[in-house]
Protein backbone atom coordinates (compact mmCIF):
# COMPACT_ATOMS: atom_id res chain seq x y z
CA UNK A 1 0.00 0.00 0.00
CA UNK A 2 1.41 3.44 -0.92
CA UNK A 3 2.30 5.86 1.82
CA UNK A 4 -0.03 8.43 0.24
CA UNK A 5 -3.26 7.93 -1.67
CA UNK A 6 -2.24 10.96 -3.73
CA UNK A 7 0.96 12.98 -3.83
CA UNK A 8 0.48 16.44 -5.32
CA UNK A 9 3.37 18.63 -6.45
CA UNK A 10 2.82 22.36 -6.99
CA UNK A 11 5.47 24.25 -8.94
CA UNK A 12 6.88 27.18 -6.96
CA UNK A 13 9.63 28.11 -9.40
CA UNK A 14 10.39 31.79 -9.80
CA UNK A 15 12.49 33.39 -12.53
CA UNK A 16 13.52 36.98 -13.23
CA UNK A 17 11.00 38.98 -15.26
CA UNK A 18 13.29 39.03 -18.30
CA UNK A 19 13.85 35.25 -18.35
CA UNK A 20 13.07 33.48 -21.62
CA UNK A 21 10.67 31.06 -19.93
CA UNK A 22 7.73 31.89 -17.69
CA UNK A 23 7.57 31.36 -13.93
CA UNK A 24 4.91 29.53 -11.96
CA UNK A 25 5.18 32.10 -9.15
CA UNK A 26 6.43 35.64 -8.85
CA UNK A 27 8.20 35.18 -5.52
CA UNK A 28 8.46 31.41 -4.96
CA UNK A 29 5.19 31.38 -3.00
CA UNK A 30 1.64 30.92 -4.12
CA UNK A 31 -1.90 31.12 -2.91
CA UNK A 32 -2.48 27.97 -4.96
CA UNK A 33 -0.28 25.82 -2.70
CA UNK A 34 -1.90 27.18 0.47
CA UNK A 35 -5.40 26.72 -0.94
CA UNK A 36 -4.73 23.12 -2.02
CA UNK A 37 -3.34 22.35 1.43
CA UNK A 38 -6.32 23.97 3.15
CA UNK A 39 -8.92 22.23 0.96
CA UNK A 40 -7.18 18.85 1.28
CA UNK A 41 -6.98 19.17 5.06
CA UNK A 42 -10.70 20.01 5.23
CA UNK A 43 -11.64 17.06 2.97
CA UNK A 44 -9.52 14.74 5.10
CA UNK A 45 -11.02 15.95 8.38
CA UNK A 46 -14.52 15.52 6.92
CA UNK A 47 -13.66 11.92 6.02
CA UNK A 48 -13.98 12.43 2.27
CA UNK A 49 -10.51 11.16 1.38
CA UNK A 50 -9.80 7.42 1.30
CA UNK A 51 -6.20 7.79 2.47
CA UNK A 52 -3.54 10.34 3.26
CA UNK A 53 -2.80 13.01 0.68
CA UNK A 54 0.41 15.01 0.59
CA UNK A 55 0.62 18.44 -1.03
CA UNK A 56 4.23 19.49 -1.69
CA UNK A 57 5.83 22.53 -3.19
CA UNK A 58 8.13 21.69 -6.05
CA UNK A 59 10.88 23.43 -7.92
CA UNK A 60 10.65 23.67 -11.69
CA UNK A 61 8.58 20.87 -13.21
CA UNK A 62 9.81 21.92 -16.70
CA UNK A 63 6.34 22.74 -18.00
CA UNK A 64 6.82 26.51 -17.76
CA UNK A 65 4.66 27.38 -20.76
CA UNK A 66 1.74 25.70 -19.00
CA UNK A 67 2.28 27.22 -15.55
CA UNK A 68 1.34 27.39 -12.84
CA UNK A 69 1.74 23.63 -13.00
CA UNK A 70 0.45 20.90 -10.65
CA UNK A 71 1.04 17.15 -11.01
CA UNK A 72 -0.92 14.47 -9.14
CA UNK A 73 0.53 11.02 -8.50
CA UNK A 74 0.16 8.08 -8.68
CA UNK A 75 -2.00 8.83 -11.73
CA UNK A 76 0.56 11.17 -13.29
CA UNK A 77 -2.08 13.77 -14.15
CA UNK A 78 -0.56 17.13 -15.11
CA UNK A 79 -2.52 20.35 -14.74
CA UNK A 80 -1.60 23.72 -16.23
CA UNK A 81 -2.72 27.29 -15.77
CA UNK A 82 -3.93 26.41 -12.29
CA UNK A 83 -5.03 29.18 -9.92
CA UNK A 84 -6.05 29.20 -6.28
CA UNK A 85 -9.66 29.36 -7.47
CA UNK A 86 -9.18 25.90 -9.06
CA UNK A 87 -8.04 24.23 -5.82
CA UNK A 88 -11.53 23.29 -4.61
CA UNK A 89 -12.37 21.61 -7.91
CA UNK A 90 -9.10 19.64 -7.99
CA UNK A 91 -9.61 18.43 -4.43
CA UNK A 92 -13.28 17.55 -4.83
CA UNK A 93 -13.19 16.08 -8.33
CA UNK A 94 -9.77 14.48 -8.49
CA UNK A 95 -8.63 13.73 -4.96
CA UNK A 96 -12.03 12.85 -3.49
CA UNK A 97 -13.96 11.48 -6.49
CA UNK A 98 -11.11 10.18 -8.65
CA UNK A 99 -12.05 12.21 -11.73
CA UNK A 100 -9.28 14.41 -13.15
CA UNK A 101 -10.32 17.96 -13.98
CA UNK A 102 -10.18 17.77 -17.77
CA UNK A 103 -10.36 21.51 -18.40
CA UNK A 104 -7.03 21.97 -16.55
CA UNK A 105 -5.16 18.96 -17.92
CA UNK A 106 -2.06 19.47 -19.99
CA UNK A 107 -2.36 17.40 -23.17
CA UNK A 108 -0.07 14.36 -23.10
CA UNK A 109 1.49 15.38 -26.42
CA UNK A 110 2.55 18.72 -24.87
CA UNK A 111 4.36 17.19 -21.89
CA UNK A 112 8.12 17.30 -22.40
CA UNK A 113 7.58 17.98 -26.10
CA UNK A 114 9.91 20.14 -28.14
CA UNK A 115 6.90 21.78 -29.73
CA UNK A 116 3.28 22.25 -28.76
CA UNK A 117 0.78 25.08 -29.27
CA UNK A 118 1.92 26.70 -25.99
CA UNK A 119 5.63 26.94 -26.79
CA UNK A 120 7.03 29.81 -28.75
C-alpha atoms as a PDB file:
ATOM      1  CA  UNK A   1       0.000   0.000   0.000  1.00  0.00           C
ATOM      2  CA  UNK A   2       1.410   3.436  -0.920  1.00  0.00           C
ATOM      3  CA  UNK A   3       2.304   5.865   1.818  1.00  0.00           C
ATOM      4  CA  UNK A   4      -0.028   8.427   0.235  1.00  0.00           C
ATOM      5  CA  UNK A   5      -3.258   7.928  -1.667  1.00  0.00           C
ATOM      6  CA  UNK A   6      -2.237  10.956  -3.725  1.00  0.00           C
ATOM      7  CA  UNK A   7       0.958  12.981  -3.834  1.00  0.00           C
ATOM      8  CA  UNK A   8       0.483  16.442  -5.322  1.00  0.00           C
ATOM      9  CA  UNK A   9       3.366  18.628  -6.453  1.00  0.00           C
ATOM     10  CA  UNK A  10       2.824  22.357  -6.986  1.00  0.00           C
ATOM     11  CA  UNK A  11       5.475  24.254  -8.936  1.00  0.00           C
ATOM     12  CA  UNK A  12       6.876  27.180  -6.963  1.00  0.00           C
ATOM     13  CA  UNK A  13       9.633  28.107  -9.400  1.00  0.00           C
ATOM     14  CA  UNK A  14      10.392  31.792  -9.800  1.00  0.00           C
ATOM     15  CA  UNK A  15      12.488  33.391 -12.532  1.00  0.00           C
ATOM     16  CA  UNK A  16      13.516  36.979 -13.227  1.00  0.00           C
ATOM     17  CA  UNK A  17      10.997  38.984 -15.261  1.00  0.00           C
ATOM     18  CA  UNK A  18      13.287  39.034 -18.297  1.00  0.00           C
ATOM     19  CA  UNK A  19      13.855  35.245 -18.345  1.00  0.00           C
ATOM     20  CA  UNK A  20      13.073  33.485 -21.624  1.00  0.00           C
ATOM     21  CA  UNK A  21      10.673  31.063 -19.931  1.00  0.00           C
ATOM     22  CA  UNK A  22       7.727  31.890 -17.694  1.00  0.00           C
ATOM     23  CA  UNK A  23       7.565  31.363 -13.927  1.00  0.00           C
ATOM     24  CA  UNK A  24       4.915  29.534 -11.961  1.00  0.00           C
ATOM     25  CA  UNK A  25       5.180  32.099  -9.151  1.00  0.00           C
ATOM     26  CA  UNK A  26       6.430  35.638  -8.849  1.00  0.00           C
ATOM     27  CA  UNK A  27       8.197  35.177  -5.523  1.00  0.00           C
ATOM     28  CA  UNK A  28       8.457  31.409  -4.961  1.00  0.00           C
ATOM     29  CA  UNK A  29       5.190  31.376  -3.002  1.00  0.00           C
ATOM     30  CA  UNK A  30       1.643  30.915  -4.119  1.00  0.00           C
ATOM     31  CA  UNK A  31      -1.897  31.124  -2.906  1.00  0.00           C
ATOM     32  CA  UNK A  32      -2.480  27.965  -4.958  1.00  0.00           C
ATOM     33  CA  UNK A  33      -0.282  25.821  -2.702  1.00  0.00           C
ATOM     34  CA  UNK A  34      -1.896  27.180   0.467  1.00  0.00           C
ATOM     35  CA  UNK A  35      -5.404  26.718  -0.943  1.00  0.00           C
ATOM     36  CA  UNK A  36      -4.727  23.121  -2.024  1.00  0.00           C
ATOM     37  CA  UNK A  37      -3.339  22.348   1.432  1.00  0.00           C
ATOM     38  CA  UNK A  38      -6.325  23.969   3.147  1.00  0.00           C
ATOM     39  CA  UNK A  39      -8.915  22.225   0.957  1.00  0.00           C
ATOM     40  CA  UNK A  40      -7.182  18.853   1.281  1.00  0.00           C
ATOM     41  CA  UNK A  41      -6.976  19.170   5.056  1.00  0.00           C
ATOM     42  CA  UNK A  42     -10.699  20.015   5.233  1.00  0.00           C
ATOM     43  CA  UNK A  43     -11.636  17.064   2.973  1.00  0.00           C
ATOM     44  CA  UNK A  44      -9.519  14.739   5.096  1.00  0.00           C
ATOM     45  CA  UNK A  45     -11.024  15.949   8.380  1.00  0.00           C
ATOM     46  CA  UNK A  46     -14.518  15.517   6.922  1.00  0.00           C
ATOM     47  CA  UNK A  47     -13.661  11.919   6.018  1.00  0.00           C
ATOM     48  CA  UNK A  48     -13.984  12.434   2.265  1.00  0.00           C
ATOM     49  CA  UNK A  49     -10.508  11.163   1.385  1.00  0.00           C
ATOM     50  CA  UNK A  50      -9.798   7.416   1.301  1.00  0.00           C
ATOM     51  CA  UNK A  51      -6.203   7.787   2.475  1.00  0.00           C
ATOM     52  CA  UNK A  52      -3.539  10.344   3.261  1.00  0.00           C
ATOM     53  CA  UNK A  53      -2.804  13.013   0.678  1.00  0.00           C
ATOM     54  CA  UNK A  54       0.411  15.013   0.595  1.00  0.00           C
ATOM     55  CA  UNK A  55       0.617  18.440  -1.034  1.00  0.00           C
ATOM     56  CA  UNK A  56       4.225  19.491  -1.685  1.00  0.00           C
ATOM     57  CA  UNK A  57       5.831  22.529  -3.191  1.00  0.00           C
ATOM     58  CA  UNK A  58       8.132  21.687  -6.053  1.00  0.00           C
ATOM     59  CA  UNK A  59      10.878  23.426  -7.923  1.00  0.00           C
ATOM     60  CA  UNK A  60      10.652  23.668 -11.685  1.00  0.00           C
ATOM     61  CA  UNK A  61       8.575  20.870 -13.215  1.00  0.00           C
ATOM     62  CA  UNK A  62       9.807  21.923 -16.697  1.00  0.00           C
ATOM     63  CA  UNK A  63       6.343  22.741 -18.003  1.00  0.00           C
ATOM     64  CA  UNK A  64       6.825  26.512 -17.762  1.00  0.00           C
ATOM     65  CA  UNK A  65       4.658  27.378 -20.761  1.00  0.00           C
ATOM     66  CA  UNK A  66       1.741  25.704 -18.996  1.00  0.00           C
ATOM     67  CA  UNK A  67       2.276  27.223 -15.551  1.00  0.00           C
ATOM     68  CA  UNK A  68       1.342  27.391 -12.840  1.00  0.00           C
ATOM     69  CA  UNK A  69       1.740  23.628 -12.996  1.00  0.00           C
ATOM     70  CA  UNK A  70       0.451  20.898 -10.654  1.00  0.00           C
ATOM     71  CA  UNK A  71       1.041  17.153 -11.007  1.00  0.00           C
ATOM     72  CA  UNK A  72      -0.915  14.475  -9.137  1.00  0.00           C
ATOM     73  CA  UNK A  73       0.529  11.021  -8.505  1.00  0.00           C
ATOM     74  CA  UNK A  74       0.157   8.081  -8.675  1.00  0.00           C
ATOM     75  CA  UNK A  75      -2.004   8.835 -11.733  1.00  0.00           C
ATOM     76  CA  UNK A  76       0.558  11.173 -13.291  1.00  0.00           C
ATOM     77  CA  UNK A  77      -2.081  13.772 -14.152  1.00  0.00           C
ATOM     78  CA  UNK A  78      -0.563  17.132 -15.111  1.00  0.00           C
ATOM     79  CA  UNK A  79      -2.517  20.355 -14.736  1.00  0.00           C
ATOM     80  CA  UNK A  80      -1.600  23.721 -16.228  1.00  0.00           C
ATOM     81  CA  UNK A  81      -2.721  27.293 -15.775  1.00  0.00           C
ATOM     82  CA  UNK A  82      -3.927  26.412 -12.290  1.00  0.00           C
ATOM     83  CA  UNK A  83      -5.030  29.182  -9.918  1.00  0.00           C
ATOM     84  CA  UNK A  84      -6.046  29.196  -6.276  1.00  0.00           C
ATOM     85  CA  UNK A  85      -9.658  29.364  -7.472  1.00  0.00           C
ATOM     86  CA  UNK A  86      -9.180  25.900  -9.064  1.00  0.00           C
ATOM     87  CA  UNK A  87      -8.042  24.227  -5.823  1.00  0.00           C
ATOM     88  CA  UNK A  88     -11.530  23.291  -4.607  1.00  0.00           C
ATOM     89  CA  UNK A  89     -12.371  21.605  -7.912  1.00  0.00           C
ATOM     90  CA  UNK A  90      -9.098  19.642  -7.990  1.00  0.00           C
ATOM     91  CA  UNK A  91      -9.605  18.427  -4.428  1.00  0.00           C
ATOM     92  CA  UNK A  92     -13.284  17.547  -4.832  1.00  0.00           C
ATOM     93  CA  UNK A  93     -13.195  16.080  -8.326  1.00  0.00           C
ATOM     94  CA  UNK A  94      -9.770  14.480  -8.494  1.00  0.00           C
ATOM     95  CA  UNK A  95      -8.625  13.726  -4.964  1.00  0.00           C
ATOM     96  CA  UNK A  96     -12.033  12.847  -3.492  1.00  0.00           C
ATOM     97  CA  UNK A  97     -13.959  11.483  -6.487  1.00  0.00           C
ATOM     98  CA  UNK A  98     -11.107  10.179  -8.646  1.00  0.00           C
ATOM     99  CA  UNK A  99     -12.046  12.211 -11.728  1.00  0.00           C
ATOM    100  CA  UNK A 100      -9.280  14.406 -13.154  1.00  0.00           C
ATOM    101  CA  UNK A 101     -10.319  17.956 -13.980  1.00  0.00           C
ATOM    102  CA  UNK A 102     -10.176  17.773 -17.769  1.00  0.00           C
ATOM    103  CA  UNK A 103     -10.357  21.514 -18.399  1.00  0.00           C
ATOM    104  CA  UNK A 104      -7.035  21.968 -16.551  1.00  0.00           C
ATOM    105  CA  UNK A 105      -5.160  18.956 -17.916  1.00  0.00           C
ATOM    106  CA  UNK A 106      -2.057  19.470 -19.995  1.00  0.00           C
ATOM    107  CA  UNK A 107      -2.358  17.402 -23.170  1.00  0.00           C
ATOM    108  CA  UNK A 108      -0.073  14.363 -23.103  1.00  0.00           C
ATOM    109  CA  UNK A 109       1.488  15.381 -26.416  1.00  0.00           C
ATOM    110  CA  UNK A 110       2.553  18.719 -24.874  1.00  0.00           C
ATOM    111  CA  UNK A 111       4.359  17.185 -21.887  1.00  0.00           C
ATOM    112  CA  UNK A 112       8.120  17.303 -22.402  1.00  0.00           C
ATOM    113  CA  UNK A 113       7.581  17.984 -26.098  1.00  0.00           C
ATOM    114  CA  UNK A 114       9.911  20.144 -28.137  1.00  0.00           C
ATOM    115  CA  UNK A 115       6.895  21.783 -29.729  1.00  0.00           C
ATOM    116  CA  UNK A 116       3.281  22.253 -28.761  1.00  0.00           C
ATOM    117  CA  UNK A 117       0.783  25.077 -29.273  1.00  0.00           C
ATOM    118  CA  UNK A 118       1.915  26.705 -25.986  1.00  0.00           C
ATOM    119  CA  UNK A 119       5.631  26.938 -26.788  1.00  0.00           C
ATOM    120  CA  UNK A 120       7.028  29.809 -28.751  1.00  0.00           C
END
